[in-house]
Amino acid sequence: MAEEYDFLFKSIVVGDGGVGKTALTLRFSKGFFTEDYKMTIGVVAKRNSL
């Protein structure tokens, strides 16, 4: 069943490697932060309902 929400926001985070795009995305979507990330190449998709 589809999740109910009032608004749906989609965002794209782009930037140079090693600047914190994955950290920012995970902090917003999952609510945690860690300094031990492997550098990602390509697209990281996460979801958070408001």
N, C-alpha and C. Protein backbone atom coordinates (compact mmCIF):
# COMPACT_ATOMS: atom_id res chain seq x y z
N MET A 1 0.84 -1.17 0.00
CA MET A 1 0.00 0.00 0.00
C MET A 1 0.88 1.24 0.00
N ALA A 2 0.49 2.24 -0.72
CA ALA A 2 1.26 3.48 -0.81
C ALA A 2 1.19 4.23 0.52
N GLU A 3 2.29 4.88 0.84
CA GLU A 3 2.36 5.67 2.07
C GLU A 3 1.62 6.99 1.86
N GLU A 4 0.86 7.41 2.86
CA GLU A 4 0.10 8.66 2.79
C GLU A 4 0.97 9.82 3.24
N TYR A 5 0.90 10.94 2.52
CA TYR A 5 1.63 12.14 2.90
C TYR A 5 0.94 13.34 2.28
N ASP A 6 1.16 14.50 2.87
CA ASP A 6 0.57 15.74 2.37
C ASP A 6 1.42 16.35 1.26
N PHE A 7 2.72 16.25 1.39
CA PHE A 7 3.64 16.83 0.42
C PHE A 7 4.73 15.81 0.10
N LEU A 8 5.21 15.86 -1.12
CA LEU A 8 6.32 15.01 -1.54
C LEU A 8 7.38 15.91 -2.16
N PHE A 9 8.56 15.89 -1.56
CA PHE A 9 9.68 16.68 -2.07
C PHE A 9 10.75 15.73 -2.58
N LYS A 10 11.26 16.01 -3.74
CA LYS A 10 12.38 15.24 -4.28
C LYS A 10 13.53 16.20 -4.46
N SER A 11 14.70 15.76 -4.09
CA SER A 11 15.87 16.63 -4.21
C SER A 11 17.02 15.86 -4.84
N ILE A 12 17.90 16.59 -5.44
CA ILE A 12 19.11 16.03 -6.02
C ILE A 12 20.29 16.73 -5.37
N VAL A 13 21.21 15.96 -4.85
CA VAL A 13 22.40 16.51 -4.21
C VAL A 13 23.59 16.19 -5.11
N VAL A 14 24.22 17.23 -5.63
CA VAL A 14 25.37 17.06 -6.51
C VAL A 14 26.55 17.84 -5.97
N GLY A 15 27.73 17.40 -6.29
CA GLY A 15 28.93 18.10 -5.85
C GLY A 15 30.16 17.25 -6.06
N ASP A 16 31.28 17.81 -5.72
CA ASP A 16 32.56 17.11 -5.83
C ASP A 16 32.61 15.93 -4.88
N GLY A 17 33.50 15.00 -5.17
CA GLY A 17 33.68 13.83 -4.32
C GLY A 17 34.26 14.20 -2.97
N GLY A 18 33.77 13.55 -1.93
CA GLY A 18 34.32 13.72 -0.59
C GLY A 18 33.87 14.97 0.13
N VAL A 19 32.76 15.59 -0.30
CA VAL A 19 32.32 16.82 0.36
C VAL A 19 31.16 16.60 1.33
N GLY A 20 30.57 15.39 1.36
CA GLY A 20 29.53 15.10 2.34
C GLY A 20 28.13 14.92 1.81
N LYS A 21 27.98 14.65 0.53
CA LYS A 21 26.64 14.46 -0.04
C LYS A 21 25.94 13.26 0.58
N THR A 22 26.63 12.15 0.70
CA THR A 22 26.04 10.95 1.29
C THR A 22 25.75 11.17 2.76
N ALA A 23 26.65 11.80 3.48
CA ALA A 23 26.45 12.08 4.90
C ALA A 23 25.22 12.95 5.11
N LEU A 24 25.07 13.97 4.31
CA LEU A 24 23.91 14.86 4.41
C LEU A 24 22.62 14.12 4.09
N THR A 25 22.64 13.32 3.04
CA THR A 25 21.46 12.57 2.63
C THR A 25 21.05 11.55 3.69
N LEU A 26 22.01 10.81 4.23
CA LEU A 26 21.68 9.83 5.26
C LEU A 26 21.23 10.49 6.55
N ARG A 27 21.83 11.62 6.91
CA ARG A 27 21.42 12.33 8.13
C ARG A 27 19.96 12.76 8.02
N PHE A 28 19.57 13.25 6.86
CA PHE A 28 18.20 13.69 6.67
C PHE A 28 17.22 12.51 6.59
N SER A 29 17.58 11.48 5.84
CA SER A 29 16.63 10.39 5.60
C SER A 29 16.57 9.36 6.72
N LYS A 30 17.69 9.06 7.33
CA LYS A 30 17.74 8.01 8.36
C LYS A 30 17.94 8.55 9.77
N GLY A 31 18.37 9.81 9.89
CA GLY A 31 18.50 10.42 11.21
C GLY A 31 19.78 10.10 11.94
N PHE A 32 20.81 9.62 11.26
CA PHE A 32 22.08 9.37 11.95
C PHE A 32 23.23 9.91 11.12
N PHE A 33 24.34 10.10 11.80
CA PHE A 33 25.55 10.61 11.15
C PHE A 33 26.72 9.77 11.60
N THR A 34 27.59 9.46 10.68
CA THR A 34 28.85 8.79 11.00
C THR A 34 29.93 9.37 10.09
N GLU A 35 31.14 9.36 10.57
CA GLU A 35 32.24 9.91 9.78
C GLU A 35 32.90 8.85 8.90
N ASP A 36 32.50 7.59 9.05
CA ASP A 36 33.14 6.48 8.33
C ASP A 36 32.35 6.10 7.09
N TYR A 37 32.44 6.91 6.04
CA TYR A 37 31.77 6.62 4.78
C TYR A 37 32.80 6.25 3.73
N LYS A 38 32.43 5.33 2.86
CA LYS A 38 33.23 5.07 1.68
C LYS A 38 32.78 6.05 0.61
N MET A 39 33.72 6.54 -0.17
CA MET A 39 33.37 7.49 -1.22
C MET A 39 32.46 6.80 -2.23
N THR A 40 31.32 7.42 -2.53
CA THR A 40 30.36 6.83 -3.46
C THR A 40 30.54 7.45 -4.84
N ILE A 41 30.28 6.64 -5.82
CA ILE A 41 30.32 7.09 -7.21
C ILE A 41 28.95 6.80 -7.80
N GLY A 42 28.35 7.78 -8.40
CA GLY A 42 27.04 7.58 -9.02
C GLY A 42 25.94 8.20 -8.21
N VAL A 43 24.86 7.46 -8.00
CA VAL A 43 23.65 8.00 -7.40
C VAL A 43 23.37 7.29 -6.09
N VAL A 44 23.02 8.07 -5.08
CA VAL A 44 22.57 7.51 -3.79
C VAL A 44 21.14 7.99 -3.60
N ALA A 45 20.21 7.06 -3.49
CA ALA A 45 18.80 7.41 -3.34
C ALA A 45 18.33 7.00 -1.96
N LYS A 46 17.76 7.92 -1.22
CA LYS A 46 17.19 7.66 0.10
C LYS A 46 15.81 8.30 0.15
N ARG A 47 15.00 7.87 1.08
CA ARG A 47 13.63 8.34 1.16
C ARG A 47 13.31 8.74 2.60
N ASN A 48 12.58 9.85 2.74
CA ASN A 48 12.12 10.30 4.04
C ASN A 48 10.76 10.95 3.86
N SER A 49 9.79 10.53 4.64
CA SER A 49 8.46 11.12 4.57
C SER A 49 8.31 12.17 5.64
N LEU A 50 7.76 13.32 5.27
CA LEU A 50 7.53 14.39 6.23
C LEU A 50 6.06 14.48 6.56
